[in-house]
Amino acid sequence: MQIILREYDFDAADGSVAKLILAAEALDRSNEARELVSKEGLTVTDRFGQQKPHPAVSVQRDFSALFARLMRELNLTENPPDGRPAPLKYGGR
């Protein structure tokens, strides 16, 4: 995150630094949930013996979506639609 803050002009007054911090935290939570699902499996058995999705599956989905939304709001892109790698940019200035 420090690299992004050095490379791009973020303004704490407009909330972009807070959004960047939230995006980093969302990515961390998504990765933690992914690791848990990888370790414990996609499903769990409930008290009635029925298989159901592991609770961390929805945690990963929700935090991944939050990360993607915050990155769009910050106008930081990963890859353009044609699949070519794109440099990160901040379009707010």
PDB file of N, CA and C in Angstrom:
ATOM      1  N   MET A   1       0.813  -1.182   0.000  1.00  0.00           N
ATOM      2  CA  MET A   1       0.000   0.000   0.000  1.00  0.00           C
ATOM      3  C   MET A   1       0.863   1.254   0.000  1.00  0.00           C
ATOM      4  N   GLN A   2       1.994   1.201   0.663  1.00  0.00           N
ATOM      5  CA  GLN A   2       2.877   2.368   0.703  1.00  0.00           C
ATOM      6  C   GLN A   2       3.357   2.744  -0.690  1.00  0.00           C
ATOM      7  N   ILE A   3       3.576   1.734  -1.529  1.00  0.00           N
ATOM      8  CA  ILE A   3       4.007   2.002  -2.900  1.00  0.00           C
ATOM      9  C   ILE A   3       2.923   2.788  -3.635  1.00  0.00           C
ATOM     10  N   ILE A   4       1.672   2.369  -3.467  1.00  0.00           N
ATOM     11  CA  ILE A   4       0.575   3.061  -4.136  1.00  0.00           C
ATOM     12  C   ILE A   4       0.470   4.497  -3.634  1.00  0.00           C
ATOM     13  N   LEU A   5       0.601   4.683  -2.323  1.00  0.00           N
ATOM     14  CA  LEU A   5       0.520   6.039  -1.773  1.00  0.00           C
ATOM     15  C   LEU A   5       1.648   6.925  -2.288  1.00  0.00           C
ATOM     16  N   ARG A   6       2.833   6.343  -2.500  1.00  0.00           N
ATOM     17  CA  ARG A   6       3.965   7.119  -3.031  1.00  0.00           C
ATOM     18  C   ARG A   6       3.783   7.440  -4.507  1.00  0.00           C
ATOM     19  N   GLU A   7       3.255   6.477  -5.249  1.00  0.00           N
ATOM     20  CA  GLU A   7       3.175   6.618  -6.704  1.00  0.00           C
ATOM     21  C   GLU A   7       2.010   7.477  -7.180  1.00  0.00           C
ATOM     22  N   TYR A   8       0.948   7.547  -6.395  1.00  0.00           N
ATOM     23  CA  TYR A   8      -0.262   8.221  -6.849  1.00  0.00           C
ATOM     24  C   TYR A   8      -0.675   9.290  -5.854  1.00  0.00           C
ATOM     25  N   ASP A   9      -1.354  10.268  -6.371  1.00  0.00           N
ATOM     26  CA  ASP A   9      -1.752  11.437  -5.579  1.00  0.00           C
ATOM     27  C   ASP A   9      -3.118  11.190  -4.928  1.00  0.00           C
ATOM     28  N   PHE A  10      -3.096  10.758  -3.691  1.00  0.00           N
ATOM     29  CA  PHE A  10      -4.329  10.543  -2.945  1.00  0.00           C
ATOM     30  C   PHE A  10      -4.526  11.702  -1.989  1.00  0.00           C
ATOM     31  N   ASP A  11      -5.783  12.079  -1.811  1.00  0.00           N
ATOM     32  CA  ASP A  11      -6.125  13.191  -0.930  1.00  0.00           C
ATOM     33  C   ASP A  11      -6.947  12.648   0.232  1.00  0.00           C
ATOM     34  N   ALA A  12      -6.421  12.764   1.450  1.00  0.00           N
ATOM     35  CA  ALA A  12      -7.130  12.266   2.622  1.00  0.00           C
ATOM     36  C   ALA A  12      -8.471  12.970   2.804  1.00  0.00           C
ATOM     37  N   ALA A  13      -8.575  14.211   2.350  1.00  0.00           N
ATOM     38  CA  ALA A  13      -9.801  14.988   2.532  1.00  0.00           C
ATOM     39  C   ALA A  13     -10.973  14.420   1.738  1.00  0.00           C
ATOM     40  N   ASP A  14     -10.706  13.793   0.593  1.00  0.00           N
ATOM     41  CA  ASP A  14     -11.818  13.270  -0.217  1.00  0.00           C
ATOM     42  C   ASP A  14     -12.141  11.812   0.087  1.00  0.00           C
ATOM     43  N   GLY A  15     -11.467  11.229   1.064  1.00  0.00           N
ATOM     44  CA  GLY A  15     -11.764   9.862   1.476  1.00  0.00           C
ATOM     45  C   GLY A  15     -11.048   8.788   0.687  1.00  0.00           C
ATOM     46  N   SER A  16     -10.208   9.170  -0.273  1.00  0.00           N
ATOM     47  CA  SER A  16      -9.559   8.156  -1.102  1.00  0.00           C
ATOM     48  C   SER A  16      -8.544   7.326  -0.314  1.00  0.00           C
ATOM     49  N   VAL A  17      -7.874   7.919   0.655  1.00  0.00           N
ATOM     50  CA  VAL A  17      -6.923   7.151   1.469  1.00  0.00           C
ATOM     51  C   VAL A  17      -7.689   6.137   2.314  1.00  0.00           C
ATOM     52  N   ALA A  18      -8.810   6.558   2.881  1.00  0.00           N
ATOM     53  CA  ALA A  18      -9.639   5.643   3.668  1.00  0.00           C
ATOM     54  C   ALA A  18     -10.146   4.498   2.799  1.00  0.00           C
ATOM     55  N   LYS A  19     -10.560   4.797   1.564  1.00  0.00           N
ATOM     56  CA  LYS A  19     -11.020   3.752   0.652  1.00  0.00           C
ATOM     57  C   LYS A  19      -9.888   2.791   0.310  1.00  0.00           C
ATOM     58  N   LEU A  20      -8.686   3.314   0.127  1.00  0.00           N
ATOM     59  CA  LEU A  20      -7.539   2.460  -0.175  1.00  0.00           C
ATOM     60  C   LEU A  20      -7.249   1.528   0.996  1.00  0.00           C
ATOM     61  N   ILE A  21      -7.320   2.038   2.207  1.00  0.00           N
ATOM     62  CA  ILE A  21      -7.105   1.209   3.402  1.00  0.00           C
ATOM     63  C   ILE A  21      -8.186   0.134   3.487  1.00  0.00           C
ATOM     64  N   LEU A  22      -9.442   0.520   3.263  1.00  0.00           N
ATOM     65  CA  LEU A  22     -10.529  -0.462   3.291  1.00  0.00           C
ATOM     66  C   LEU A  22     -10.352  -1.523   2.209  1.00  0.00           C
ATOM     67  N   ALA A  23      -9.884  -1.116   1.033  1.00  0.00           N
ATOM     68  CA  ALA A  23      -9.649  -2.075  -0.041  1.00  0.00           C
ATOM     69  C   ALA A  23      -8.575  -3.080   0.355  1.00  0.00           C
ATOM     70  N   ALA A  24      -7.492  -2.596   0.964  1.00  0.00           N
ATOM     71  CA  ALA A  24      -6.422  -3.497   1.403  1.00  0.00           C
ATOM     72  C   ALA A  24      -6.927  -4.457   2.476  1.00  0.00           C
ATOM     73  N   GLU A  25      -7.726  -3.953   3.402  1.00  0.00           N
ATOM     74  CA  GLU A  25      -8.290  -4.817   4.453  1.00  0.00           C
ATOM     75  C   GLU A  25      -9.261  -5.840   3.863  1.00  0.00           C
ATOM     76  N   ALA A  26     -10.067  -5.420   2.891  1.00  0.00           N
ATOM     77  CA  ALA A  26     -10.999  -6.340   2.245  1.00  0.00           C
ATOM     78  C   ALA A  26     -10.247  -7.447   1.517  1.00  0.00           C
ATOM     79  N   LEU A  27      -9.159  -7.099   0.858  1.00  0.00           N
ATOM     80  CA  LEU A  27      -8.355  -8.106   0.176  1.00  0.00           C
ATOM     81  C   LEU A  27      -7.746  -9.083   1.184  1.00  0.00           C
ATOM     82  N   ASP A  28      -7.278  -8.569   2.312  1.00  0.00           N
ATOM     83  CA  ASP A  28      -6.746  -9.437   3.367  1.00  0.00           C
ATOM     84  C   ASP A  28      -7.804 -10.419   3.856  1.00  0.00           C
ATOM     85  N   ARG A  29      -9.017  -9.920   4.152  1.00  0.00           N
ATOM     86  CA  ARG A  29     -10.093 -10.794   4.648  1.00  0.00           C
ATOM     87  C   ARG A  29     -10.480 -11.831   3.602  1.00  0.00           C
ATOM     88  N   SER A  30     -10.549 -11.413   2.340  1.00  0.00           N
ATOM     89  CA  SER A  30     -10.877 -12.346   1.265  1.00  0.00           C
ATOM     90  C   SER A  30      -9.836 -13.458   1.183  1.00  0.00           C
ATOM     91  N   ASN A  31      -8.574 -13.094   1.276  1.00  0.00           N
ATOM     92  CA  ASN A  31      -7.501 -14.090   1.221  1.00  0.00           C
ATOM     93  C   ASN A  31      -7.535 -15.025   2.437  1.00  0.00           C
ATOM     94  N   GLU A  32      -7.840 -14.481   3.614  1.00  0.00           N
ATOM     95  CA  GLU A  32      -7.956 -15.326   4.806  1.00  0.00           C
ATOM     96  C   GLU A  32      -9.081 -16.346   4.639  1.00  0.00           C
ATOM     97  N   ALA A  33     -10.213 -15.883   4.126  1.00  0.00           N
ATOM     98  CA  ALA A  33     -11.342 -16.792   3.911  1.00  0.00           C
ATOM     99  C   ALA A  33     -10.995 -17.843   2.862  1.00  0.00           C
ATOM    100  N   ARG A  34     -10.304 -17.438   1.805  1.00  0.00           N
ATOM    101  CA  ARG A  34      -9.892 -18.380   0.759  1.00  0.00           C
ATOM    102  C   ARG A  34      -8.980 -19.460   1.336  1.00  0.00           C
ATOM    103  N   GLU A  35      -8.045 -19.061   2.172  1.00  0.00           N
ATOM    104  CA  GLU A  35      -7.144 -20.039   2.796  1.00  0.00           C
ATOM    105  C   GLU A  35      -7.905 -21.008   3.696  1.00  0.00           C
ATOM    106  N   LEU A  36      -8.881 -20.498   4.444  1.00  0.00           N
ATOM    107  CA  LEU A  36      -9.676 -21.342   5.320  1.00  0.00           C
ATOM    108  C   LEU A  36     -10.483 -22.355   4.521  1.00  0.00           C
ATOM    109  N   VAL A  37     -11.102 -21.906   3.440  1.00  0.00           N
ATOM    110  CA  VAL A  37     -11.874 -22.810   2.586  1.00  0.00           C
ATOM    111  C   VAL A  37     -10.948 -23.831   1.937  1.00  0.00           C
ATOM    112  N   SER A  38      -9.786 -23.400   1.528  1.00  0.00           N
ATOM    113  CA  SER A  38      -8.819 -24.321   0.935  1.00  0.00           C
ATOM    114  C   SER A  38      -8.415 -25.408   1.927  1.00  0.00           C
ATOM    115  N   LYS A  39      -8.272 -25.021   3.174  1.00  0.00           N
ATOM    116  CA  LYS A  39      -7.859 -25.958   4.233  1.00  0.00           C
ATOM    117  C   LYS A  39      -9.003 -26.869   4.672  1.00  0.00           C
ATOM    118  N   GLU A  40     -10.206 -26.306   4.833  1.00  0.00           N
ATOM    119  CA  GLU A  40     -11.324 -27.053   5.419  1.00  0.00           C
ATOM    120  C   GLU A  40     -12.324 -27.587   4.399  1.00  0.00           C
ATOM    121  N   GLY A  41     -12.260 -27.125   3.163  1.00  0.00           N
ATOM    122  CA  GLY A  41     -13.175 -27.593   2.130  1.00  0.00           C
ATOM    123  C   GLY A  41     -14.318 -26.615   1.880  1.00  0.00           C
ATOM    124  N   LEU A  42     -14.987 -26.808   0.742  1.00  0.00           N
ATOM    125  CA  LEU A  42     -16.067 -25.924   0.327  1.00  0.00           C
ATOM    126  C   LEU A  42     -17.347 -26.120   1.130  1.00  0.00           C
ATOM    127  N   THR A  43     -17.511 -27.298   1.715  1.00  0.00           N
ATOM    128  CA  THR A  43     -18.739 -27.576   2.449  1.00  0.00           C
ATOM    129  C   THR A  43     -18.442 -28.019   3.871  1.00  0.00           C
ATOM    130  N   VAL A  44     -19.459 -27.864   4.718  1.00  0.00           N
ATOM    131  CA  VAL A  44     -19.408 -28.357   6.096  1.00  0.00           C
ATOM    132  C   VAL A  44     -20.671 -29.171   6.323  1.00  0.00           C
ATOM    133  N   THR A  45     -20.646 -30.008   7.324  1.00  0.00           N
ATOM    134  CA  THR A  45     -21.813 -30.805   7.683  1.00  0.00           C
ATOM    135  C   THR A  45     -22.512 -30.138   8.859  1.00  0.00           C
ATOM    136  N   ASP A  46     -23.817 -29.887   8.699  1.00  0.00           N
ATOM    137  CA  ASP A  46     -24.553 -29.251   9.787  1.00  0.00           C
ATOM    138  C   ASP A  46     -24.973 -30.288  10.831  1.00  0.00           C
ATOM    139  N   ARG A  47     -25.669 -29.859  11.849  1.00  0.00           N
ATOM    140  CA  ARG A  47     -26.021 -30.761  12.948  1.00  0.00           C
ATOM    141  C   ARG A  47     -27.011 -31.843  12.534  1.00  0.00           C
ATOM    142  N   PHE A  48     -27.629 -31.696  11.364  1.00  0.00           N
ATOM    143  CA  PHE A  48     -28.554 -32.706  10.862  1.00  0.00           C
ATOM    144  C   PHE A  48     -27.881 -33.654   9.875  1.00  0.00           C
ATOM    145  N   GLY A  49     -26.570 -33.489   9.699  1.00  0.00           N
ATOM    146  CA  GLY A  49     -25.819 -34.345   8.779  1.00  0.00           C
ATOM    147  C   GLY A  49     -25.894 -33.915   7.329  1.00  0.00           C
ATOM    148  N   GLN A  50     -26.424 -32.729   7.070  1.00  0.00           N
ATOM    149  CA  GLN A  50     -26.551 -32.225   5.708  1.00  0.00           C
ATOM    150  C   GLN A  50     -25.340 -31.370   5.337  1.00  0.00           C
ATOM    151  N   GLN A  51     -24.919 -31.490   4.093  1.00  0.00           N
ATOM    152  CA  GLN A  51     -23.826 -30.669   3.590  1.00  0.00           C
ATOM    153  C   GLN A  51     -24.359 -29.280   3.252  1.00  0.00           C
ATOM    154  N   LYS A  52     -23.592 -28.263   3.616  1.00  0.00           N
ATOM    155  CA  LYS A  52     -23.943 -26.891   3.257  1.00  0.00           C
ATOM    156  C   LYS A  52     -22.651 -26.134   2.977  1.00  0.00           C
ATOM    157  N   PRO A  53     -22.739 -25.017   2.262  1.00  0.00           N
ATOM    158  CA  PRO A  53     -21.519 -24.263   1.946  1.00  0.00           C
ATOM    159  C   PRO A  53     -20.798 -23.817   3.219  1.00  0.00           C
ATOM    160  N   HIS A  54     -19.500 -23.866   3.172  1.00  0.00           N
ATOM    161  CA  HIS A  54     -18.685 -23.375   4.287  1.00  0.00           C
ATOM    162  C   HIS A  54     -18.989 -21.888   4.466  1.00  0.00           C
ATOM    163  N   PRO A  55     -19.179 -21.416   5.694  1.00  0.00           N
ATOM    164  CA  PRO A  55     -19.474 -19.990   5.908  1.00  0.00           C
ATOM    165  C   PRO A  55     -18.420 -19.051   5.318  1.00  0.00           C
ATOM    166  N   ALA A  56     -17.187 -19.495   5.227  1.00  0.00           N
ATOM    167  CA  ALA A  56     -16.127 -18.642   4.694  1.00  0.00           C
ATOM    168  C   ALA A  56     -16.269 -18.406   3.196  1.00  0.00           C
ATOM    169  N   VAL A  57     -17.069 -19.245   2.519  1.00  0.00           N
ATOM    170  CA  VAL A  57     -17.293 -19.038   1.084  1.00  0.00           C
ATOM    171  C   VAL A  57     -17.982 -17.692   0.859  1.00  0.00           C
ATOM    172  N   SER A  58     -19.012 -17.407   1.647  1.00  0.00           N
ATOM    173  CA  SER A  58     -19.710 -16.124   1.479  1.00  0.00           C
ATOM    174  C   SER A  58     -18.856 -14.959   1.973  1.00  0.00           C
ATOM    175  N   VAL A  59     -18.025 -15.189   2.976  1.00  0.00           N
ATOM    176  CA  VAL A  59     -17.113 -14.141   3.443  1.00  0.00           C
ATOM    177  C   VAL A  59     -16.153 -13.774   2.318  1.00  0.00           C
ATOM    178  N   GLN A  60     -15.591 -14.787   1.668  1.00  0.00           N
ATOM    179  CA  GLN A  60     -14.665 -14.524   0.568  1.00  0.00           C
ATOM    180  C   GLN A  60     -15.366 -13.780  -0.559  1.00  0.00           C
ATOM    181  N   ARG A  61     -16.557 -14.216  -0.927  1.00  0.00           N
ATOM    182  CA  ARG A  61     -17.314 -13.569  -2.005  1.00  0.00           C
ATOM    183  C   ARG A  61     -17.585 -12.104  -1.674  1.00  0.00           C
ATOM    184  N   ASP A  62     -18.062 -11.856  -0.459  1.00  0.00           N
ATOM    185  CA  ASP A  62     -18.425 -10.493  -0.078  1.00  0.00           C
ATOM    186  C   ASP A  62     -17.221  -9.558  -0.032  1.00  0.00           C
ATOM    187  N   PHE A  63     -16.108 -10.029   0.544  1.00  0.00           N
ATOM    188  CA  PHE A  63     -14.933  -9.162   0.623  1.00  0.00           C
ATOM    189  C   PHE A  63     -14.249  -8.990  -0.730  1.00  0.00           C
ATOM    190  N   SER A  64     -14.327  -9.997  -1.595  1.00  0.00           N
ATOM    191  CA  SER A  64     -13.788  -9.841  -2.952  1.00  0.00           C
ATOM    192  C   SER A  64     -14.585  -8.792  -3.720  1.00  0.00           C
ATOM    193  N   ALA A  65     -15.899  -8.828  -3.561  1.00  0.00           N
ATOM    194  CA  ALA A  65     -16.752  -7.844  -4.229  1.00  0.00           C
ATOM    195  C   ALA A  65     -16.486  -6.435  -3.684  1.00  0.00           C
ATOM    196  N   LEU A  66     -16.314  -6.322  -2.380  1.00  0.00           N
ATOM    197  CA  LEU A  66     -16.010  -5.021  -1.780  1.00  0.00           C
ATOM    198  C   LEU A  66     -14.686  -4.486  -2.297  1.00  0.00           C
ATOM    199  N   PHE A  67     -13.675  -5.354  -2.368  1.00  0.00           N
ATOM    200  CA  PHE A  67     -12.367  -4.951  -2.891  1.00  0.00           C
ATOM    201  C   PHE A  67     -12.501  -4.430  -4.325  1.00  0.00           C
ATOM    202  N   ALA A  68     -13.208  -5.186  -5.163  1.00  0.00           N
ATOM    203  CA  ALA A  68     -13.368  -4.785  -6.565  1.00  0.00           C
ATOM    204  C   ALA A  68     -14.104  -3.451  -6.672  1.00  0.00           C
ATOM    205  N   ARG A  69     -15.147  -3.279  -5.876  1.00  0.00           N
ATOM    206  CA  ARG A  69     -15.902  -2.018  -5.912  1.00  0.00           C
ATOM    207  C   ARG A  69     -15.043  -0.835  -5.493  1.00  0.00           C
ATOM    208  N   LEU A  70     -14.266  -1.009  -4.421  1.00  0.00           N
ATOM    209  CA  LEU A  70     -13.411   0.083  -3.956  1.00  0.00           C
ATOM    210  C   LEU A  70     -12.323   0.413  -4.975  1.00  0.00           C
ATOM    211  N   MET A  71     -11.770  -0.600  -5.622  1.00  0.00           N
ATOM    212  CA  MET A  71     -10.766  -0.349  -6.651  1.00  0.00           C
ATOM    213  C   MET A  71     -11.361   0.417  -7.823  1.00  0.00           C
ATOM    214  N   ARG A  72     -12.600   0.082  -8.208  1.00  0.00           N
ATOM    215  CA  ARG A  72     -13.276   0.835  -9.275  1.00  0.00           C
ATOM    216  C   ARG A  72     -13.519   2.275  -8.840  1.00  0.00           C
ATOM    217  N   GLU A  73     -13.971   2.455  -7.595  1.00  0.00           N
ATOM    218  CA  GLU A  73     -14.230   3.813  -7.104  1.00  0.00           C
ATOM    219  C   GLU A  73     -12.958   4.656  -7.078  1.00  0.00           C
ATOM    220  N   LEU A  74     -11.831   4.011  -6.817  1.00  0.00           N
ATOM    221  CA  LEU A  74     -10.553   4.721  -6.806  1.00  0.00           C
ATOM    222  C   LEU A  74      -9.961   4.858  -8.210  1.00  0.00           C
ATOM    223  N   ASN A  75     -10.622   4.229  -9.178  1.00  0.00           N
ATOM    224  CA  ASN A  75     -10.157   4.219 -10.563  1.00  0.00           C
ATOM    225  C   ASN A  75      -8.779   3.575 -10.687  1.00  0.00           C
ATOM    226  N   LEU A  76      -8.548   2.545  -9.906  1.00  0.00           N
ATOM    227  CA  LEU A  76      -7.336   1.729 -10.007  1.00  0.00           C
ATOM    228  C   LEU A  76      -7.728   0.449 -10.715  1.00  0.00           C
ATOM    229  N   THR A  77      -7.129   0.194 -11.859  1.00  0.00           N
ATOM    230  CA  THR A  77      -7.527  -0.965 -12.642  1.00  0.00           C
ATOM    231  C   THR A  77      -6.431  -2.004 -12.644  1.00  0.00           C
ATOM    232  N   GLU A  78      -6.839  -3.255 -12.773  1.00  0.00           N
ATOM    233  CA  GLU A  78      -5.871  -4.349 -12.855  1.00  0.00           C
ATOM    234  C   GLU A  78      -5.555  -4.670 -14.308  1.00  0.00           C
ATOM    235  N   ASN A  79      -6.571  -5.027 -15.085  1.00  0.00           N
ATOM    236  CA  ASN A  79      -6.378  -5.376 -16.485  1.00  0.00           C
ATOM    237  C   ASN A  79      -7.510  -4.794 -17.318  1.00  0.00           C
ATOM    238  N   PRO A  80      -7.192  -4.270 -18.479  1.00  0.00           N
ATOM    239  CA  PRO A  80      -8.252  -3.802 -19.366  1.00  0.00           C
ATOM    240  C   PRO A  80      -9.022  -4.992 -19.930  1.00  0.00           C
ATOM    241  N   PRO A  81     -10.187  -4.759 -20.554  1.00  0.00           N
ATOM    242  CA  PRO A  81     -11.012  -5.860 -21.050  1.00  0.00           C
ATOM    243  C   PRO A  81     -10.312  -6.781 -22.044  1.00  0.00           C
ATOM    244  N   ASP A  82      -9.340  -6.288 -22.814  1.00  0.00           N
ATOM    245  CA  ASP A  82      -8.684  -7.151 -23.801  1.00  0.00           C
ATOM    246  C   ASP A  82      -7.627  -8.057 -23.183  1.00  0.00           C
ATOM    247  N   GLY A  83      -7.448  -8.002 -21.855  1.00  0.00           N
ATOM    248  CA  GLY A  83      -6.541  -8.911 -21.176  1.00  0.00           C
ATOM    249  C   GLY A  83      -5.106  -8.443 -21.062  1.00  0.00           C
ATOM    250  N   ARG A  84      -4.761  -7.329 -21.705  1.00  0.00           N
ATOM    251  CA  ARG A  84      -3.390  -6.832 -21.590  1.00  0.00           C
ATOM    252  C   ARG A  84      -3.168  -6.234 -20.217  1.00  0.00           C
ATOM    253  N   PRO A  85      -2.007  -6.457 -19.612  1.00  0.00           N
ATOM    254  CA  PRO A  85      -1.727  -5.813 -18.329  1.00  0.00           C
ATOM    255  C   PRO A  85      -1.702  -4.299 -18.492  1.00  0.00           C
ATOM    256  N   ALA A  86      -2.283  -3.623 -17.522  1.00  0.00           N
ATOM    257  CA  ALA A  86      -2.307  -2.165 -17.561  1.00  0.00           C
ATOM    258  C   ALA A  86      -1.625  -1.630 -16.316  1.00  0.00           C
ATOM    259  N   PRO A  87      -0.915  -0.534 -16.454  1.00  0.00           N
ATOM    260  CA  PRO A  87      -0.323   0.068 -15.252  1.00  0.00           C
ATOM    261  C   PRO A  87      -1.429   0.616 -14.360  1.00  0.00           C
ATOM    262  N   LEU A  88      -1.175   0.590 -13.077  1.00  0.00           N
ATOM    263  CA  LEU A  88      -2.142   1.186 -12.160  1.00  0.00           C
ATOM    264  C   LEU A  88      -2.151   2.686 -12.384  1.00  0.00           C
ATOM    265  N   LYS A  89      -3.323   3.264 -12.262  1.00  0.00           N
ATOM    266  CA  LYS A  89      -3.432   4.709 -12.441  1.00  0.00           C
ATOM    267  C   LYS A  89      -4.476   5.229 -11.472  1.00  0.00           C
ATOM    268  N   TYR A  90      -4.347   6.446 -11.143  1.00  0.00           N
ATOM    269  CA  TYR A  90      -5.349   7.104 -10.318  1.00  0.00           C
ATOM    270  C   TYR A  90      -5.904   8.244 -11.124  1.00  0.00           C
ATOM    271  N   GLY A  91      -7.191   8.169 -11.419  1.00  0.00           N
ATOM    272  CA  GLY A  91      -7.802   9.137 -12.317  1.00  0.00           C
ATOM    273  C   GLY A  91      -8.445  10.324 -11.608  1.00  0.00           C
ATOM    274  N   GLY A  92      -8.252  10.453 -10.321  1.00  0.00           N
ATOM    275  CA  GLY A  92      -8.893  11.525  -9.591  1.00  0.00           C
ATOM    276  C   GLY A  92      -8.255  12.890  -9.788  1.00  0.00           C
ATOM    277  N   ARG A  93      -7.067  12.951 -10.353  1.00  0.00           N
ATOM    278  CA  ARG A  93      -6.372  14.230 -10.524  1.00  0.00           C
ATOM    279  C   ARG A  93      -5.955  14.406 -11.962  1.00  0.00           C
TER     280      ARG A  93
END
